[in-house]
Amino acid sequence: MAAVAEVFFRRLSRWQADQQRESIADLYEKTYRDSDPPPRPPSTGTRISYDKSARRETPAHAARDRAAFLDRFAADVQRPGFDMLIASAATALVGCIYGYLPDRQGSWWYGRHDIAPTTLGQLADSGRIFNVAELMVAPSHRRRGVAEELQDRLLVRVDAELVTTLIEPANTVAKAAYEAWHWHPTDTLPAANGHPALEVWTRPTPQNDPS
């Protein structure tokens, strides 16, 4: 794993993640408001535009967005197999990644759709998929290897065969980053429940990677 100078990584338990939820929400706001967002899997939220001018928000919108994220985060912390890693510099939280074991059934499959993509449903049923729900890095620490280090450190101990994440088809920046990290597009979730179609990207867990 690449060394990242002056950044410290720590895994959080469910209880610790819940205790730090406000700090995680602060990072969410730093990551996605008034700055060019880093490559990331779409969260379970409603924001789908990465156009900077489209993301100007009124205080009321910002409050709703933060509240919606906190609601999603509280639910994700309780998912089966939840795991989370944070990155800190000095006393500041500068990055985090978390995910869980999705199921074939239930409206919480990736938080967006009622059914799993057909090629992955069987693996999901047997608990052999881990879904990366969120990957965030503060603007001050982008392009320093923090995102890749978070990913590597989280996935090295994931008890699954395959890791998945969702990317919007038009998000070419995210797709280029995940391709560089050895992810590949393998399926598509159709538009449903008011959400757009999403590409499913996958990679094997480190212990199942033959390369």
N, C-alpha and C. Protein backbone atom coordinates (compact mmCIF):
# COMPACT_ATOMS: atom_id res chain seq x y z
N MET A 1 0.83 -1.19 0.00
CA MET A 1 0.00 0.00 0.00
C MET A 1 0.87 1.26 0.00
N ALA A 2 0.42 2.26 -0.71
CA ALA A 2 1.19 3.49 -0.78
C ALA A 2 1.11 4.24 0.55
N ALA A 3 2.27 4.84 0.93
CA ALA A 3 2.28 5.63 2.15
C ALA A 3 1.73 7.02 1.85
N VAL A 4 0.94 7.54 2.75
CA VAL A 4 0.37 8.88 2.60
C VAL A 4 0.87 9.71 3.76
N ALA A 5 1.75 10.67 3.48
CA ALA A 5 2.40 11.44 4.52
C ALA A 5 1.40 12.25 5.34
N GLU A 6 1.58 12.22 6.65
CA GLU A 6 0.83 13.07 7.58
C GLU A 6 -0.67 12.79 7.59
N VAL A 7 -1.08 11.65 7.10
CA VAL A 7 -2.48 11.25 7.17
C VAL A 7 -2.54 9.92 7.92
N PHE A 8 -3.45 9.84 8.88
CA PHE A 8 -3.57 8.65 9.71
C PHE A 8 -4.92 7.98 9.45
N PHE A 9 -4.89 6.66 9.37
CA PHE A 9 -6.08 5.89 9.02
C PHE A 9 -6.53 5.06 10.21
N ARG A 10 -7.85 5.01 10.39
CA ARG A 10 -8.39 4.28 11.54
C ARG A 10 -9.74 3.67 11.18
N ARG A 11 -9.93 2.43 11.57
CA ARG A 11 -11.21 1.75 11.35
C ARG A 11 -12.14 2.06 12.50
N LEU A 12 -13.42 2.27 12.18
CA LEU A 12 -14.42 2.58 13.19
C LEU A 12 -15.40 1.43 13.35
N SER A 13 -15.80 1.18 14.58
CA SER A 13 -16.88 0.23 14.85
C SER A 13 -18.21 0.92 14.53
N ARG A 14 -19.28 0.16 14.56
CA ARG A 14 -20.60 0.77 14.35
C ARG A 14 -20.85 1.88 15.37
N TRP A 15 -20.53 1.59 16.62
CA TRP A 15 -20.78 2.56 17.68
C TRP A 15 -19.94 3.81 17.46
N GLN A 16 -18.68 3.64 17.10
CA GLN A 16 -17.81 4.80 16.85
C GLN A 16 -18.29 5.59 15.64
N ALA A 17 -18.72 4.90 14.60
CA ALA A 17 -19.24 5.59 13.41
C ALA A 17 -20.46 6.42 13.77
N ASP A 18 -21.35 5.85 14.55
CA ASP A 18 -22.55 6.58 14.95
C ASP A 18 -22.18 7.79 15.81
N GLN A 19 -21.20 7.63 16.69
CA GLN A 19 -20.78 8.74 17.55
C GLN A 19 -20.15 9.88 16.74
N GLN A 20 -19.57 9.56 15.60
CA GLN A 20 -18.91 10.58 14.79
C GLN A 20 -19.76 11.04 13.60
N ARG A 21 -21.06 10.76 13.65
CA ARG A 21 -21.90 11.04 12.50
C ARG A 21 -21.90 12.52 12.10
N GLU A 22 -21.86 13.43 13.06
CA GLU A 22 -21.86 14.86 12.72
C GLU A 22 -20.56 15.25 12.03
N SER A 23 -19.45 14.70 12.46
CA SER A 23 -18.17 14.97 11.79
C SER A 23 -18.17 14.40 10.38
N ILE A 24 -18.78 13.22 10.21
CA ILE A 24 -18.88 12.63 8.87
C ILE A 24 -19.75 13.51 7.98
N ALA A 25 -20.83 14.05 8.54
CA ALA A 25 -21.69 14.95 7.77
C ALA A 25 -20.95 16.23 7.40
N ASP A 26 -20.09 16.72 8.29
CA ASP A 26 -19.27 17.90 7.97
C ASP A 26 -18.37 17.59 6.77
N LEU A 27 -17.76 16.41 6.78
CA LEU A 27 -16.91 16.01 5.66
C LEU A 27 -17.73 15.89 4.38
N TYR A 28 -18.93 15.35 4.48
CA TYR A 28 -19.82 15.24 3.32
C TYR A 28 -20.05 16.61 2.70
N GLU A 29 -20.32 17.60 3.54
CA GLU A 29 -20.56 18.95 3.02
C GLU A 29 -19.31 19.54 2.40
N LYS A 30 -18.15 19.33 3.02
CA LYS A 30 -16.90 19.84 2.45
C LYS A 30 -16.61 19.18 1.10
N THR A 31 -16.93 17.90 1.02
CA THR A 31 -16.59 17.14 -0.18
C THR A 31 -17.42 17.53 -1.38
N TYR A 32 -18.73 17.76 -1.16
CA TYR A 32 -19.63 17.92 -2.29
C TYR A 32 -20.23 19.31 -2.47
N ARG A 33 -19.87 20.26 -1.62
CA ARG A 33 -20.42 21.60 -1.79
C ARG A 33 -19.33 22.59 -2.15
N ASP A 34 -19.59 23.40 -3.18
CA ASP A 34 -18.71 24.50 -3.58
C ASP A 34 -17.29 24.05 -3.92
N SER A 35 -17.17 22.84 -4.44
CA SER A 35 -15.88 22.39 -4.95
C SER A 35 -16.14 21.31 -5.97
N ASP A 36 -15.16 21.08 -6.84
CA ASP A 36 -15.30 20.01 -7.82
C ASP A 36 -15.23 18.69 -7.08
N PRO A 37 -16.24 17.85 -7.20
CA PRO A 37 -16.25 16.62 -6.43
C PRO A 37 -15.22 15.63 -6.91
N PRO A 38 -14.65 14.82 -6.01
CA PRO A 38 -13.71 13.79 -6.42
C PRO A 38 -14.44 12.61 -7.02
N PRO A 39 -13.72 11.74 -7.73
CA PRO A 39 -14.37 10.53 -8.21
C PRO A 39 -14.95 9.76 -7.03
N ARG A 40 -16.16 9.27 -7.17
CA ARG A 40 -16.80 8.55 -6.08
C ARG A 40 -17.96 7.74 -6.61
N PRO A 41 -18.35 6.71 -5.86
CA PRO A 41 -19.60 6.04 -6.20
C PRO A 41 -20.74 6.92 -5.76
N PRO A 42 -21.85 6.98 -6.52
CA PRO A 42 -22.98 7.76 -6.05
C PRO A 42 -23.47 7.24 -4.72
N SER A 43 -23.79 8.12 -3.80
CA SER A 43 -24.33 7.71 -2.52
C SER A 43 -25.80 7.40 -2.70
N THR A 44 -26.46 7.09 -1.61
CA THR A 44 -27.88 6.80 -1.69
C THR A 44 -28.71 8.06 -1.68
N GLY A 45 -28.08 9.18 -1.85
CA GLY A 45 -28.79 10.46 -1.83
C GLY A 45 -29.42 10.81 -3.15
N THR A 46 -30.01 12.00 -3.20
CA THR A 46 -30.71 12.42 -4.40
C THR A 46 -29.87 13.31 -5.29
N ARG A 47 -28.72 13.77 -4.80
CA ARG A 47 -27.90 14.64 -5.64
C ARG A 47 -27.25 13.83 -6.74
N ILE A 48 -27.50 14.21 -7.97
CA ILE A 48 -26.92 13.46 -9.08
C ILE A 48 -26.15 14.35 -10.04
N SER A 49 -26.19 15.66 -9.83
CA SER A 49 -25.49 16.57 -10.73
C SER A 49 -24.11 16.89 -10.20
N TYR A 50 -23.11 16.85 -11.08
CA TYR A 50 -21.77 17.25 -10.71
C TYR A 50 -21.39 18.58 -11.35
N ASP A 51 -22.35 19.26 -11.94
CA ASP A 51 -22.09 20.57 -12.50
C ASP A 51 -22.03 21.59 -11.37
N LYS A 52 -20.91 22.32 -11.29
CA LYS A 52 -20.71 23.20 -10.14
C LYS A 52 -21.82 24.23 -10.01
N SER A 53 -22.25 24.79 -11.12
CA SER A 53 -23.29 25.81 -11.05
C SER A 53 -24.61 25.24 -10.59
N ALA A 54 -24.83 23.95 -10.84
CA ALA A 54 -26.10 23.32 -10.44
C ALA A 54 -26.12 22.97 -8.97
N ARG A 55 -24.96 23.05 -8.30
CA ARG A 55 -24.91 22.64 -6.91
C ARG A 55 -24.92 23.82 -5.95
N ARG A 56 -25.21 25.05 -6.42
CA ARG A 56 -25.35 26.16 -5.50
C ARG A 56 -26.64 25.96 -4.71
N GLU A 57 -26.54 26.02 -3.40
CA GLU A 57 -27.69 25.67 -2.59
C GLU A 57 -28.05 26.81 -1.65
N THR A 58 -29.33 26.96 -1.39
CA THR A 58 -29.77 27.87 -0.36
C THR A 58 -29.51 27.23 1.00
N PRO A 59 -29.47 28.01 2.09
CA PRO A 59 -29.30 27.39 3.41
C PRO A 59 -30.33 26.31 3.70
N ALA A 60 -31.57 26.51 3.25
CA ALA A 60 -32.61 25.50 3.49
C ALA A 60 -32.30 24.22 2.75
N HIS A 61 -31.85 24.34 1.49
CA HIS A 61 -31.48 23.15 0.72
C HIS A 61 -30.31 22.43 1.37
N ALA A 62 -29.33 23.21 1.84
CA ALA A 62 -28.15 22.61 2.46
C ALA A 62 -28.54 21.84 3.71
N ALA A 63 -29.43 22.40 4.50
CA ALA A 63 -29.87 21.72 5.72
C ALA A 63 -30.58 20.43 5.40
N ARG A 64 -31.43 20.44 4.36
CA ARG A 64 -32.14 19.21 3.97
C ARG A 64 -31.15 18.17 3.45
N ASP A 65 -30.16 18.62 2.69
CA ASP A 65 -29.18 17.70 2.14
C ASP A 65 -28.39 17.03 3.25
N ARG A 66 -27.96 17.80 4.23
CA ARG A 66 -27.23 17.24 5.36
C ARG A 66 -28.11 16.27 6.15
N ALA A 67 -29.35 16.66 6.38
CA ALA A 67 -30.26 15.80 7.12
C ALA A 67 -30.51 14.50 6.38
N ALA A 68 -30.67 14.57 5.06
CA ALA A 68 -30.88 13.37 4.26
C ALA A 68 -29.66 12.45 4.34
N PHE A 69 -28.46 13.03 4.27
CA PHE A 69 -27.26 12.22 4.38
C PHE A 69 -27.20 11.53 5.75
N LEU A 70 -27.50 12.28 6.80
CA LEU A 70 -27.46 11.70 8.15
C LEU A 70 -28.46 10.55 8.29
N ASP A 71 -29.63 10.69 7.67
CA ASP A 71 -30.61 9.61 7.70
C ASP A 71 -30.07 8.37 7.00
N ARG A 72 -29.45 8.57 5.83
CA ARG A 72 -28.90 7.44 5.08
C ARG A 72 -27.76 6.79 5.86
N PHE A 73 -26.91 7.63 6.43
CA PHE A 73 -25.76 7.11 7.17
C PHE A 73 -26.21 6.29 8.37
N ALA A 74 -27.21 6.78 9.10
CA ALA A 74 -27.73 6.04 10.25
C ALA A 74 -28.25 4.68 9.83
N ALA A 75 -28.91 4.61 8.67
CA ALA A 75 -29.42 3.33 8.18
C ALA A 75 -28.27 2.42 7.74
N ASP A 76 -27.28 2.99 7.04
CA ASP A 76 -26.17 2.18 6.54
C ASP A 76 -25.35 1.58 7.67
N VAL A 77 -25.18 2.32 8.76
CA VAL A 77 -24.41 1.82 9.90
C VAL A 77 -24.99 0.51 10.43
N GLN A 78 -26.30 0.31 10.27
CA GLN A 78 -26.97 -0.89 10.75
C GLN A 78 -27.02 -2.01 9.73
N ARG A 79 -26.50 -1.77 8.52
CA ARG A 79 -26.53 -2.83 7.50
C ARG A 79 -25.64 -4.00 7.90
N PRO A 80 -25.96 -5.21 7.41
CA PRO A 80 -25.07 -6.35 7.66
C PRO A 80 -23.69 -6.08 7.08
N GLY A 81 -22.67 -6.45 7.83
CA GLY A 81 -21.31 -6.33 7.32
C GLY A 81 -20.77 -4.92 7.23
N PHE A 82 -21.42 -3.96 7.88
CA PHE A 82 -20.94 -2.57 7.79
C PHE A 82 -19.49 -2.47 8.23
N ASP A 83 -18.70 -1.74 7.45
CA ASP A 83 -17.30 -1.51 7.80
C ASP A 83 -16.94 -0.11 7.34
N MET A 84 -16.08 0.57 8.12
CA MET A 84 -15.77 1.96 7.83
C MET A 84 -14.34 2.29 8.23
N LEU A 85 -13.72 3.14 7.43
CA LEU A 85 -12.36 3.60 7.69
C LEU A 85 -12.34 5.10 7.50
N ILE A 86 -11.63 5.81 8.39
CA ILE A 86 -11.51 7.26 8.25
C ILE A 86 -10.05 7.63 8.09
N ALA A 87 -9.82 8.81 7.51
CA ALA A 87 -8.48 9.38 7.37
C ALA A 87 -8.46 10.73 8.06
N SER A 88 -7.44 10.97 8.86
CA SER A 88 -7.33 12.22 9.61
C SER A 88 -5.95 12.82 9.40
N ALA A 89 -5.90 14.14 9.38
CA ALA A 89 -4.65 14.89 9.33
C ALA A 89 -4.69 15.87 10.49
N ALA A 90 -3.71 15.74 11.41
CA ALA A 90 -3.75 16.50 12.65
C ALA A 90 -5.06 16.14 13.36
N THR A 91 -5.92 17.11 13.61
CA THR A 91 -7.19 16.81 14.27
C THR A 91 -8.36 16.84 13.31
N ALA A 92 -8.09 17.00 12.02
CA ALA A 92 -9.17 17.17 11.04
C ALA A 92 -9.47 15.85 10.33
N LEU A 93 -10.75 15.58 10.15
CA LEU A 93 -11.19 14.44 9.35
C LEU A 93 -11.10 14.83 7.88
N VAL A 94 -10.31 14.10 7.09
CA VAL A 94 -10.10 14.48 5.70
C VAL A 94 -10.60 13.44 4.70
N GLY A 95 -11.05 12.29 5.17
CA GLY A 95 -11.56 11.29 4.25
C GLY A 95 -12.23 10.15 4.97
N CYS A 96 -13.08 9.44 4.26
CA CYS A 96 -13.69 8.22 4.82
C CYS A 96 -14.21 7.35 3.69
N ILE A 97 -14.35 6.09 4.03
CA ILE A 97 -14.95 5.12 3.11
C ILE A 97 -15.76 4.15 3.96
N TYR A 98 -16.91 3.75 3.46
CA TYR A 98 -17.67 2.73 4.18
C TYR A 98 -18.55 1.96 3.21
N GLY A 99 -18.96 0.78 3.67
CA GLY A 99 -19.82 -0.05 2.85
C GLY A 99 -20.45 -1.15 3.69
N TYR A 100 -21.13 -2.07 3.01
CA TYR A 100 -21.87 -3.13 3.71
C TYR A 100 -22.15 -4.27 2.75
N LEU A 101 -22.76 -5.32 3.26
CA LEU A 101 -23.13 -6.48 2.44
C LEU A 101 -24.56 -6.28 1.93
N PRO A 102 -24.75 -6.04 0.65
CA PRO A 102 -26.12 -5.88 0.12
C PRO A 102 -26.82 -7.21 -0.02
N ASP A 103 -28.14 -7.14 -0.19
CA ASP A 103 -28.97 -8.33 -0.36
C ASP A 103 -29.66 -8.22 -1.71
N ARG A 104 -30.08 -9.38 -2.25
CA ARG A 104 -30.79 -9.35 -3.52
C ARG A 104 -32.13 -8.62 -3.39
N GLN A 105 -32.82 -8.85 -2.31
CA GLN A 105 -34.15 -8.29 -2.14
C GLN A 105 -34.12 -7.08 -1.21
N GLY A 106 -35.16 -6.30 -1.23
CA GLY A 106 -35.28 -5.17 -0.32
C GLY A 106 -34.96 -3.86 -0.99
N SER A 107 -35.68 -2.82 -0.63
CA SER A 107 -35.49 -1.53 -1.27
C SER A 107 -34.16 -0.90 -0.89
N TRP A 108 -33.43 -1.50 0.08
CA TRP A 108 -32.15 -0.92 0.44
C TRP A 108 -31.00 -1.47 -0.37
N TRP A 109 -31.27 -2.31 -1.43
CA TRP A 109 -30.17 -2.76 -2.29
C TRP A 109 -29.52 -1.52 -2.91
N TYR A 110 -28.33 -1.22 -2.44
CA TYR A 110 -27.61 0.00 -2.82
C TYR A 110 -28.40 1.25 -2.48
N GLY A 111 -29.47 1.10 -1.70
CA GLY A 111 -30.24 2.26 -1.30
C GLY A 111 -31.07 2.86 -2.41
N ARG A 112 -31.13 2.22 -3.57
CA ARG A 112 -31.78 2.86 -4.71
C ARG A 112 -32.81 1.98 -5.40
N HIS A 113 -32.57 0.71 -5.51
CA HIS A 113 -33.39 -0.13 -6.36
C HIS A 113 -33.94 -1.34 -5.59
N ASP A 114 -35.01 -1.89 -6.09
CA ASP A 114 -35.69 -2.98 -5.39
C ASP A 114 -35.06 -4.34 -5.61
N ILE A 115 -34.29 -4.49 -6.68
CA ILE A 115 -33.68 -5.79 -6.95
C ILE A 115 -32.23 -5.62 -7.34
N ALA A 116 -31.45 -6.65 -7.11
CA ALA A 116 -30.05 -6.63 -7.50
C ALA A 116 -29.92 -6.84 -8.99
N PRO A 117 -28.82 -6.38 -9.62
CA PRO A 117 -28.57 -6.74 -11.00
C PRO A 117 -28.49 -8.26 -11.12
N THR A 118 -29.03 -8.78 -12.20
CA THR A 118 -29.22 -10.23 -12.30
C THR A 118 -27.93 -11.02 -12.17
N THR A 119 -26.84 -10.51 -12.71
CA THR A 119 -25.59 -11.28 -12.68
C THR A 119 -24.96 -11.32 -11.30
N LEU A 120 -25.43 -10.47 -10.38
CA LEU A 120 -24.82 -10.40 -9.05
C LEU A 120 -25.75 -10.89 -7.95
N GLY A 121 -27.02 -11.15 -8.28
CA GLY A 121 -27.98 -11.50 -7.26
C GLY A 121 -27.62 -12.72 -6.46
N GLN A 122 -27.13 -13.76 -7.13
CA GLN A 122 -26.79 -15.00 -6.42
C GLN A 122 -25.65 -14.77 -5.43
N LEU A 123 -24.64 -14.01 -5.85
CA LEU A 123 -23.54 -13.70 -4.95
C LEU A 123 -24.02 -12.89 -3.76
N ALA A 124 -24.93 -11.94 -4.01
CA ALA A 124 -25.46 -11.13 -2.92
C ALA A 124 -26.22 -11.99 -1.93
N ASP A 125 -27.00 -12.92 -2.43
CA ASP A 125 -27.77 -13.81 -1.56
C ASP A 125 -26.87 -14.59 -0.61
N SER A 126 -25.70 -14.95 -1.07
CA SER A 126 -24.80 -15.77 -0.25
C SER A 126 -23.81 -14.92 0.55
N GLY A 127 -23.99 -13.61 0.55
CA GLY A 127 -23.13 -12.74 1.34
C GLY A 127 -21.73 -12.61 0.82
N ARG A 128 -21.55 -12.79 -0.49
CA ARG A 128 -20.20 -12.76 -1.06
C ARG A 128 -19.90 -11.47 -1.82
N ILE A 129 -20.76 -10.45 -1.65
CA ILE A 129 -20.53 -9.14 -2.25
C ILE A 129 -20.45 -8.10 -1.14
N PHE A 130 -19.50 -7.19 -1.28
CA PHE A 130 -19.40 -6.04 -0.39
C PHE A 130 -19.58 -4.79 -1.25
N ASN A 131 -20.51 -3.93 -0.86
CA ASN A 131 -20.78 -2.72 -1.64
C ASN A 131 -20.15 -1.50 -0.98
N VAL A 132 -19.33 -0.77 -1.72
CA VAL A 132 -18.79 0.50 -1.25
C VAL A 132 -19.86 1.56 -1.45
N ALA A 133 -20.44 2.03 -0.35
CA ALA A 133 -21.54 2.98 -0.42
C ALA A 133 -21.07 4.41 -0.53
N GLU A 134 -19.92 4.72 0.05
CA GLU A 134 -19.44 6.10 0.03
C GLU A 134 -17.93 6.15 0.15
N LEU A 135 -17.33 7.02 -0.65
CA LEU A 135 -15.90 7.30 -0.58
C LEU A 135 -15.75 8.81 -0.71
N MET A 136 -15.24 9.46 0.35
CA MET A 136 -15.16 10.92 0.37
C MET A 136 -13.76 11.36 0.78
N VAL A 137 -13.24 12.37 0.09
CA VAL A 137 -11.96 12.99 0.46
C VAL A 137 -12.15 14.50 0.39
N ALA A 138 -11.73 15.19 1.44
CA ALA A 138 -11.86 16.64 1.48
C ALA A 138 -11.02 17.28 0.37
N PRO A 139 -11.46 18.40 -0.17
CA PRO A 139 -10.72 19.07 -1.25
C PRO A 139 -9.25 19.31 -0.92
N SER A 140 -8.94 19.58 0.34
CA SER A 140 -7.57 19.88 0.74
C SER A 140 -6.62 18.70 0.62
N HIS A 141 -7.18 17.48 0.51
CA HIS A 141 -6.33 16.29 0.49
C HIS A 141 -6.56 15.41 -0.73
N ARG A 142 -7.08 15.99 -1.79
CA ARG A 142 -7.23 15.22 -3.03
C ARG A 142 -5.91 15.15 -3.79
N ARG A 143 -5.82 14.12 -4.62
CA ARG A 143 -4.64 13.88 -5.44
C ARG A 143 -3.38 13.66 -4.60
N ARG A 144 -3.57 13.08 -3.43
CA ARG A 144 -2.46 12.72 -2.55
C ARG A 144 -2.45 11.22 -2.27
N GLY A 145 -3.30 10.47 -2.94
CA GLY A 145 -3.36 9.04 -2.71
C GLY A 145 -4.24 8.63 -1.55
N VAL A 146 -4.97 9.58 -0.96
CA VAL A 146 -5.80 9.26 0.20
C VAL A 146 -6.95 8.33 -0.18
N ALA A 147 -7.63 8.62 -1.29
CA ALA A 147 -8.77 7.80 -1.70
C ALA A 147 -8.35 6.36 -1.96
N GLU A 148 -7.23 6.17 -2.66
CA GLU A 148 -6.79 4.81 -2.96
C GLU A 148 -6.35 4.09 -1.69
N GLU A 149 -5.69 4.81 -0.78
CA GLU A 149 -5.26 4.19 0.47
C GLU A 149 -6.45 3.78 1.33
N LEU A 150 -7.47 4.64 1.40
CA LEU A 150 -8.68 4.27 2.12
C LEU A 150 -9.28 2.99 1.56
N GLN A 151 -9.37 2.94 0.25
CA GLN A 151 -9.94 1.78 -0.43
C GLN A 151 -9.13 0.52 -0.14
N ASP A 152 -7.82 0.62 -0.28
CA ASP A 152 -6.97 -0.56 -0.07
C ASP A 152 -7.06 -1.07 1.36
N ARG A 153 -7.04 -0.16 2.31
CA ARG A 153 -7.05 -0.57 3.72
C ARG A 153 -8.41 -1.17 4.12
N LEU A 154 -9.48 -0.65 3.56
CA LEU A 154 -10.80 -1.21 3.89
C LEU A 154 -10.97 -2.60 3.29
N LEU A 155 -10.62 -2.74 2.02
CA LEU A 155 -10.94 -3.97 1.30
C LEU A 155 -10.04 -5.14 1.67
N VAL A 156 -8.88 -4.86 2.26
CA VAL A 156 -7.95 -5.95 2.53
C VAL A 156 -8.52 -6.94 3.53
N ARG A 157 -9.48 -6.53 4.33
CA ARG A 157 -10.03 -7.48 5.31
C ARG A 157 -11.52 -7.76 5.08
N VAL A 158 -12.06 -7.32 3.96
CA VAL A 158 -13.46 -7.59 3.66
C VAL A 158 -13.66 -9.08 3.40
N ASP A 159 -14.64 -9.66 4.07
CA ASP A 159 -14.93 -11.08 3.92
C ASP A 159 -15.97 -11.27 2.82
N ALA A 160 -15.52 -11.15 1.57
CA ALA A 160 -16.39 -11.30 0.40
C ALA A 160 -15.52 -11.67 -0.79
N GLU A 161 -16.16 -12.05 -1.88
CA GLU A 161 -15.42 -12.39 -3.09
C GLU A 161 -15.30 -11.19 -4.03
N LEU A 162 -16.33 -10.35 -4.02
CA LEU A 162 -16.41 -9.28 -5.00
C LEU A 162 -16.81 -7.99 -4.30
N VAL A 163 -16.28 -6.88 -4.80
CA VAL A 163 -16.65 -5.56 -4.29
C VAL A 163 -17.37 -4.82 -5.41
N THR A 164 -18.43 -4.12 -5.06
CA THR A 164 -19.20 -3.39 -6.06
C THR A 164 -19.35 -1.92 -5.64
N THR A 165 -19.62 -1.10 -6.62
CA THR A 165 -20.00 0.29 -6.38
C THR A 165 -20.81 0.75 -7.59
N LEU A 166 -21.49 1.87 -7.45
CA LEU A 166 -22.34 2.39 -8.51
C LEU A 166 -21.79 3.71 -9.03
N ILE A 167 -21.81 3.88 -10.34
CA ILE A 167 -21.33 5.10 -10.96
C ILE A 167 -22.35 5.55 -12.00
N GLU A 168 -22.63 6.83 -12.01
CA GLU A 168 -23.54 7.37 -13.02
C GLU A 168 -22.87 7.30 -14.40
N PRO A 169 -23.59 6.89 -15.43
CA PRO A 169 -22.99 6.71 -16.75
C PRO A 169 -22.25 7.94 -17.29
N ALA A 170 -22.74 9.14 -16.95
CA ALA A 170 -22.12 10.35 -17.47
C ALA A 170 -20.91 10.81 -16.65
N ASN A 171 -20.65 10.16 -15.54
CA ASN A 171 -19.56 10.60 -14.66
C ASN A 171 -18.24 10.01 -15.13
N THR A 172 -17.69 10.59 -16.18
CA THR A 172 -16.46 10.06 -16.79
C THR A 172 -15.25 10.21 -15.88
N VAL A 173 -15.24 11.21 -15.02
CA VAL A 173 -14.12 11.39 -14.09
C VAL A 173 -14.06 10.22 -13.12
N ALA A 174 -15.20 9.88 -12.55
CA ALA A 174 -15.24 8.75 -11.62
C ALA A 174 -14.87 7.45 -12.32
N LYS A 175 -15.39 7.26 -13.52
CA LYS A 175 -15.11 6.01 -14.23
C LYS A 175 -13.62 5.86 -14.54
N ALA A 176 -12.98 6.97 -14.90
CA ALA A 176 -11.54 6.92 -15.19
C ALA A 176 -10.75 6.57 -13.93
N ALA A 177 -11.17 7.14 -12.80
CA ALA A 177 -10.46 6.86 -11.54
C ALA A 177 -10.63 5.40 -11.13
N TYR A 178 -11.86 4.89 -11.21
CA TYR A 178 -12.08 3.51 -10.79
C TYR A 178 -11.42 2.52 -11.74
N GLU A 179 -11.35 2.87 -13.01
CA GLU A 179 -10.63 2.01 -13.95
C GLU A 179 -9.15 1.96 -13.58
N ALA A 180 -8.59 3.09 -13.20
CA ALA A 180 -7.19 3.12 -12.78
C ALA A 180 -6.96 2.30 -11.52
N TRP A 181 -8.01 2.16 -10.71
CA TRP A 181 -7.93 1.37 -9.48
C TRP A 181 -8.32 -0.09 -9.72
N HIS A 182 -8.40 -0.47 -10.99
CA HIS A 182 -8.64 -1.87 -11.39
C HIS A 182 -10.08 -2.34 -11.15
N TRP A 183 -11.03 -1.41 -11.21
CA TRP A 183 -12.45 -1.76 -11.24
C TRP A 183 -12.88 -1.88 -12.70
N HIS A 184 -14.00 -2.60 -12.91
CA HIS A 184 -14.50 -2.79 -14.27
C HIS A 184 -16.03 -2.72 -14.28
N PRO A 185 -16.62 -2.14 -15.32
CA PRO A 185 -18.09 -2.13 -15.42
C PRO A 185 -18.58 -3.53 -15.75
N THR A 186 -19.57 -4.02 -15.00
CA THR A 186 -20.03 -5.40 -15.20
C THR A 186 -21.53 -5.51 -15.37
N ASP A 187 -22.30 -4.49 -15.02
CA ASP A 187 -23.75 -4.60 -15.10
C ASP A 187 -24.35 -3.21 -15.05
N THR A 188 -25.66 -3.15 -15.19
CA THR A 188 -26.38 -1.87 -15.14
C THR A 188 -27.65 -2.05 -14.33
N LEU A 189 -27.91 -1.09 -13.44
CA LEU A 189 -29.19 -1.04 -12.75
C LEU A 189 -30.08 -0.08 -13.53
N PRO A 190 -31.25 -0.53 -13.98
CA PRO A 190 -32.13 0.36 -14.75
C PRO A 190 -32.69 1.47 -13.89
N ALA A 191 -33.15 2.51 -14.54
CA ALA A 191 -33.81 3.60 -13.83
C ALA A 191 -35.01 3.04 -13.07
N ALA A 192 -35.16 3.46 -11.81
CA ALA A 192 -36.27 2.96 -10.99
C ALA A 192 -36.45 3.86 -9.79
N ASN A 193 -37.67 3.91 -9.28
CA ASN A 193 -37.97 4.65 -8.06
C ASN A 193 -37.53 6.11 -8.12
N GLY A 194 -37.60 6.69 -9.30
CA GLY A 194 -37.23 8.09 -9.46
C GLY A 194 -35.75 8.33 -9.60
N HIS A 195 -34.94 7.28 -9.63
CA HIS A 195 -33.50 7.41 -9.75
C HIS A 195 -33.05 7.01 -11.16
N PRO A 196 -31.95 7.57 -11.64
CA PRO A 196 -31.48 7.26 -12.99
C PRO A 196 -30.83 5.88 -13.05
N ALA A 197 -30.59 5.43 -14.26
CA ALA A 197 -29.84 4.20 -14.45
C ALA A 197 -28.42 4.40 -13.92
N LEU A 198 -27.84 3.33 -13.39
CA LEU A 198 -26.50 3.39 -12.82
C LEU A 198 -25.69 2.20 -13.30
N GLU A 199 -24.41 2.44 -13.53
CA GLU A 199 -23.51 1.36 -13.89
C GLU A 199 -22.98 0.69 -12.62
N VAL A 200 -22.93 -0.62 -12.64
CA VAL A 200 -22.34 -1.38 -11.54
C VAL A 200 -20.90 -1.71 -11.91
N TRP A 201 -19.99 -1.23 -11.10
CA TRP A 201 -18.57 -1.51 -11.29
C TRP A 201 -18.11 -2.48 -10.20
N THR A 202 -17.22 -3.39 -10.56
CA THR A 202 -16.78 -4.41 -9.62
C THR A 202 -15.27 -4.61 -9.68
N ARG A 203 -14.79 -5.20 -8.64
CA ARG A 203 -13.41 -5.67 -8.59
C ARG A 203 -13.34 -6.79 -7.55
N PRO A 204 -12.41 -7.73 -7.70
CA PRO A 204 -12.30 -8.76 -6.66
C PRO A 204 -11.70 -8.18 -5.40
N THR A 205 -11.99 -8.79 -4.26
CA THR A 205 -11.32 -8.39 -3.05
C THR A 205 -9.83 -8.77 -3.19
N PRO A 206 -8.95 -8.13 -2.45
CA PRO A 206 -7.52 -8.42 -2.60
C PRO A 206 -7.18 -9.90 -2.47
N GLN A 207 -7.85 -10.60 -1.55
CA GLN A 207 -7.53 -12.00 -1.35
C GLN A 207 -8.05 -12.90 -2.48
N ASN A 208 -8.92 -12.34 -3.33
CA ASN A 208 -9.45 -13.10 -4.47
C ASN A 208 -8.98 -12.55 -5.81
N ASP A 209 -8.00 -11.67 -5.78
CA ASP A 209 -7.47 -11.07 -7.01
C ASP A 209 -6.31 -11.92 -7.52
N PRO A 210 -6.46 -12.54 -8.71
CA PRO A 210 -5.40 -13.40 -9.22
C PRO A 210 -4.20 -12.63 -9.77
N SER A 211 -4.34 -11.32 -10.00
CA SER A 211 -3.24 -10.55 -10.59
C SER A 211 -2.12 -10.31 -9.60
